[in-house]
């Protein structure tokens, strides 16, 4: 499912115009993004949790030259599915 498919689905389910559904979907995504930028987590009960994960610095290898390189630490977004979501997929 693409973002356009999601907008179309929301428009049909909520009986909204395509523009209103697109605004709703975009506002949900931007709210999640803004919260993650602050370092907080977003808990959607029954669905899952969005959080910021930290990757430690590590050593890697350049595949072309075989030369060792240092990969710096960084933050990445993460998602953990909730119990209800996991149960519904089984």
N, C-alpha and C. Protein backbone atom coordinates (compact mmCIF):
# COMPACT_ATOMS: atom_id res chain seq x y z
N UNK A 1 0.85 -1.18 0.00
CA UNK A 1 0.00 0.00 0.00
C UNK A 1 0.89 1.24 0.00
N UNK A 2 0.60 2.14 -0.90
CA UNK A 2 1.35 3.40 -0.97
C UNK A 2 0.61 4.48 -0.18
N UNK A 3 1.25 5.63 -0.07
CA UNK A 3 0.63 6.74 0.65
C UNK A 3 -0.65 7.18 -0.07
N UNK A 4 -0.63 7.17 -1.38
CA UNK A 4 -1.83 7.53 -2.15
C UNK A 4 -2.96 6.54 -1.89
N UNK A 5 -2.63 5.26 -1.80
CA UNK A 5 -3.64 4.25 -1.48
C UNK A 5 -4.21 4.47 -0.09
N UNK A 6 -3.34 4.83 0.85
CA UNK A 6 -3.78 5.10 2.22
C UNK A 6 -4.73 6.29 2.26
N UNK A 7 -4.40 7.35 1.52
CA UNK A 7 -5.26 8.54 1.46
C UNK A 7 -6.62 8.16 0.89
N UNK A 8 -6.62 7.38 -0.17
CA UNK A 8 -7.87 6.95 -0.80
C UNK A 8 -8.71 6.12 0.18
N UNK A 9 -8.05 5.23 0.91
CA UNK A 9 -8.75 4.37 1.88
C UNK A 9 -9.35 5.21 3.01
N UNK A 10 -8.59 6.18 3.52
CA UNK A 10 -9.09 7.05 4.58
C UNK A 10 -10.27 7.88 4.08
N UNK A 11 -10.19 8.36 2.85
CA UNK A 11 -11.28 9.15 2.27
C UNK A 11 -12.58 8.33 2.21
N UNK A 12 -12.46 7.07 1.79
CA UNK A 12 -13.65 6.23 1.70
C UNK A 12 -14.21 5.86 3.07
N UNK A 13 -13.32 5.46 3.99
CA UNK A 13 -13.76 5.00 5.32
C UNK A 13 -14.35 6.14 6.16
N UNK A 14 -13.74 7.32 6.09
CA UNK A 14 -14.18 8.44 6.92
C UNK A 14 -15.16 9.36 6.19
N UNK A 15 -15.49 9.01 4.95
CA UNK A 15 -16.42 9.80 4.15
C UNK A 15 -15.92 11.24 4.01
N UNK A 16 -14.65 11.38 3.63
CA UNK A 16 -14.01 12.68 3.46
C UNK A 16 -13.69 12.91 1.99
N UNK A 17 -13.40 14.16 1.65
CA UNK A 17 -12.90 14.44 0.31
C UNK A 17 -11.46 13.97 0.25
N UNK A 18 -10.95 13.82 -0.96
CA UNK A 18 -9.57 13.37 -1.14
C UNK A 18 -8.59 14.37 -0.52
N UNK A 19 -8.89 15.67 -0.65
CA UNK A 19 -8.00 16.69 -0.09
C UNK A 19 -8.00 16.64 1.43
N UNK A 20 -9.17 16.48 2.04
CA UNK A 20 -9.26 16.40 3.50
C UNK A 20 -8.55 15.15 4.02
N UNK A 21 -8.70 14.03 3.32
CA UNK A 21 -8.04 12.79 3.72
C UNK A 21 -6.53 12.93 3.60
N UNK A 22 -6.07 13.58 2.53
CA UNK A 22 -4.63 13.79 2.34
C UNK A 22 -4.07 14.67 3.45
N UNK A 23 -4.80 15.73 3.81
CA UNK A 23 -4.37 16.60 4.91
C UNK A 23 -4.33 15.83 6.23
N UNK A 24 -5.30 14.96 6.46
CA UNK A 24 -5.34 14.18 7.70
C UNK A 24 -4.16 13.22 7.78
N UNK A 25 -3.90 12.52 6.70
CA UNK A 25 -2.79 11.56 6.67
C UNK A 25 -1.46 12.29 6.84
N UNK A 26 -1.29 13.39 6.13
CA UNK A 26 -0.05 14.16 6.24
C UNK A 26 0.15 14.73 7.64
N UNK A 27 -0.93 15.16 8.29
CA UNK A 27 -0.79 15.72 9.63
C UNK A 27 -0.42 14.63 10.64
N UNK A 28 -0.92 13.41 10.47
CA UNK A 28 -0.54 12.31 11.36
C UNK A 28 0.94 12.00 11.19
N UNK A 29 1.39 11.90 9.94
CA UNK A 29 2.80 11.61 9.69
C UNK A 29 3.71 12.72 10.20
N UNK A 30 3.30 13.96 10.03
CA UNK A 30 4.14 15.07 10.50
C UNK A 30 4.17 15.12 12.02
N UNK A 31 3.07 14.78 12.68
CA UNK A 31 3.05 14.74 14.14
C UNK A 31 3.99 13.67 14.66
N UNK A 32 3.99 12.51 14.03
CA UNK A 32 4.91 11.43 14.42
C UNK A 32 6.35 11.87 14.19
N UNK A 33 6.62 12.47 13.04
CA UNK A 33 7.98 12.93 12.72
C UNK A 33 8.46 13.98 13.71
N UNK A 34 7.62 14.96 14.02
CA UNK A 34 8.01 16.03 14.95
C UNK A 34 8.30 15.48 16.34
N UNK A 35 7.50 14.52 16.78
CA UNK A 35 7.71 13.93 18.10
C UNK A 35 9.01 13.14 18.14
N UNK A 36 9.31 12.39 17.07
CA UNK A 36 10.55 11.64 17.02
C UNK A 36 11.77 12.55 16.95
N UNK A 37 11.63 13.69 16.28
CA UNK A 37 12.74 14.66 16.21
C UNK A 37 13.10 15.18 17.60
N UNK A 38 12.10 15.29 18.47
CA UNK A 38 12.33 15.75 19.85
C UNK A 38 12.97 14.66 20.70
N UNK A 39 12.98 13.43 20.20
CA UNK A 39 13.55 12.32 20.95
C UNK A 39 12.53 11.55 21.76
N UNK A 40 11.26 11.92 21.64
CA UNK A 40 10.20 11.23 22.37
C UNK A 40 9.69 10.05 21.56
N UNK A 41 8.89 9.20 22.19
CA UNK A 41 8.30 8.10 21.44
C UNK A 41 6.81 8.31 21.28
N UNK A 42 6.24 7.70 20.25
CA UNK A 42 4.81 7.80 19.95
C UNK A 42 4.20 6.42 20.16
N UNK A 43 3.25 6.34 21.08
CA UNK A 43 2.59 5.08 21.37
C UNK A 43 1.16 5.14 20.84
N UNK A 44 0.84 4.27 19.90
CA UNK A 44 -0.52 4.16 19.37
C UNK A 44 -1.06 2.84 19.91
N UNK A 45 -1.89 2.94 20.94
CA UNK A 45 -2.39 1.76 21.63
C UNK A 45 -3.09 0.82 20.65
N UNK A 46 -2.71 -0.45 20.69
CA UNK A 46 -3.29 -1.45 19.80
C UNK A 46 -2.60 -1.55 18.47
N UNK A 47 -1.74 -0.59 18.15
CA UNK A 47 -1.04 -0.62 16.87
C UNK A 47 0.45 -0.84 17.07
N UNK A 48 1.11 0.07 17.80
CA UNK A 48 2.53 -0.09 18.02
C UNK A 48 3.17 1.18 18.55
N UNK A 49 4.50 1.15 18.64
CA UNK A 49 5.27 2.25 19.19
C UNK A 49 6.35 2.67 18.21
N UNK A 50 6.39 3.96 17.91
CA UNK A 50 7.46 4.55 17.12
C UNK A 50 8.46 5.14 18.09
N UNK A 51 9.76 4.89 17.89
CA UNK A 51 10.77 5.41 18.80
C UNK A 51 12.06 5.73 18.04
N UNK A 52 12.94 6.44 18.72
CA UNK A 52 14.25 6.74 18.16
C UNK A 52 15.24 5.74 18.75
N UNK A 53 15.96 5.05 17.88
CA UNK A 53 16.96 4.09 18.31
C UNK A 53 18.34 4.65 18.02
N UNK A 54 19.30 4.30 18.86
CA UNK A 54 20.67 4.76 18.66
C UNK A 54 21.52 3.59 18.17
N UNK A 55 22.27 3.85 17.11
CA UNK A 55 23.22 2.86 16.62
C UNK A 55 24.60 3.25 17.10
N UNK A 56 25.31 2.33 17.66
CA UNK A 56 26.65 2.61 18.18
C UNK A 56 27.64 2.76 17.02
N UNK A 57 28.72 3.48 17.29
CA UNK A 57 29.80 3.58 16.30
C UNK A 57 30.43 2.20 16.14
N UNK A 58 30.86 1.90 14.93
CA UNK A 58 31.45 0.58 14.68
C UNK A 58 32.46 0.67 13.55
N UNK A 59 33.21 -0.37 13.41
CA UNK A 59 34.19 -0.44 12.32
C UNK A 59 33.57 -1.18 11.15
N UNK A 60 33.83 -0.70 9.96
CA UNK A 60 33.33 -1.33 8.75
C UNK A 60 34.48 -1.54 7.79
N UNK A 61 34.15 -1.96 6.59
CA UNK A 61 35.17 -2.21 5.58
C UNK A 61 34.67 -1.69 4.24
N UNK A 62 35.51 -0.93 3.55
CA UNK A 62 35.19 -0.46 2.21
C UNK A 62 35.19 -1.67 1.28
N UNK A 63 34.06 -1.99 0.65
CA UNK A 63 34.00 -3.20 -0.18
C UNK A 63 34.89 -3.14 -1.43
N UNK A 64 35.18 -1.94 -1.91
CA UNK A 64 36.01 -1.83 -3.12
C UNK A 64 37.49 -2.04 -2.83
N UNK A 65 37.95 -1.44 -1.71
CA UNK A 65 39.38 -1.49 -1.42
C UNK A 65 39.73 -2.43 -0.28
N UNK A 66 38.76 -2.82 0.51
CA UNK A 66 39.03 -3.67 1.66
C UNK A 66 39.58 -2.89 2.85
N UNK A 67 39.70 -1.58 2.69
CA UNK A 67 40.25 -0.72 3.73
C UNK A 67 39.26 -0.57 4.88
N UNK A 68 39.73 -0.71 6.13
CA UNK A 68 38.82 -0.52 7.27
C UNK A 68 38.44 0.95 7.43
N UNK A 69 37.17 1.19 7.79
CA UNK A 69 36.68 2.55 8.01
C UNK A 69 35.90 2.59 9.31
N UNK A 70 35.79 3.77 9.89
CA UNK A 70 34.99 3.96 11.10
C UNK A 70 33.62 4.49 10.70
N UNK A 71 32.58 3.83 11.16
CA UNK A 71 31.21 4.26 10.89
C UNK A 71 30.72 4.95 12.16
N UNK A 72 30.33 6.23 12.06
CA UNK A 72 29.94 6.97 13.26
C UNK A 72 28.59 6.51 13.82
N UNK A 73 28.35 6.83 15.09
CA UNK A 73 27.05 6.50 15.69
C UNK A 73 25.99 7.42 15.10
N UNK A 74 24.76 6.97 15.13
CA UNK A 74 23.65 7.78 14.63
C UNK A 74 22.33 7.32 15.20
N UNK A 75 21.33 8.15 15.03
CA UNK A 75 19.99 7.83 15.50
C UNK A 75 19.15 7.41 14.31
N UNK A 76 18.30 6.41 14.50
CA UNK A 76 17.42 5.95 13.44
C UNK A 76 16.01 5.76 14.00
N UNK A 77 14.99 5.92 13.17
CA UNK A 77 13.64 5.66 13.64
C UNK A 77 13.39 4.16 13.74
N UNK A 78 12.58 3.77 14.71
CA UNK A 78 12.25 2.37 14.87
C UNK A 78 10.77 2.20 15.15
N UNK A 79 10.27 1.00 14.93
CA UNK A 79 8.87 0.70 15.18
C UNK A 79 8.78 -0.68 15.79
N UNK A 80 7.98 -0.80 16.84
CA UNK A 80 7.69 -2.08 17.46
C UNK A 80 6.18 -2.28 17.39
N UNK A 81 5.78 -3.37 16.77
CA UNK A 81 4.35 -3.65 16.63
C UNK A 81 3.73 -3.98 17.98
N UNK A 82 2.51 -3.53 18.18
CA UNK A 82 1.78 -3.80 19.41
C UNK A 82 1.19 -5.20 19.42
N UNK A 83 0.74 -5.62 20.59
CA UNK A 83 0.20 -6.95 20.76
C UNK A 83 -1.02 -7.19 19.87
N UNK A 84 -1.91 -6.22 19.78
CA UNK A 84 -3.13 -6.37 18.99
C UNK A 84 -2.82 -6.49 17.50
N UNK A 85 -1.83 -5.72 17.02
CA UNK A 85 -1.44 -5.79 15.61
C UNK A 85 -0.84 -7.16 15.30
N UNK A 86 0.04 -7.62 16.17
CA UNK A 86 0.67 -8.94 15.96
C UNK A 86 -0.38 -10.03 15.94
N UNK A 87 -1.36 -9.94 16.86
CA UNK A 87 -2.40 -10.95 16.95
C UNK A 87 -3.29 -10.95 15.70
N UNK A 88 -3.58 -9.76 15.17
CA UNK A 88 -4.47 -9.68 14.00
C UNK A 88 -3.81 -10.21 12.73
N UNK A 89 -2.50 -10.19 12.69
CA UNK A 89 -1.79 -10.67 11.49
C UNK A 89 -1.65 -12.18 11.50
N UNK A 90 -1.56 -12.77 12.67
CA UNK A 90 -1.43 -14.23 12.76
C UNK A 90 -2.61 -14.87 12.18
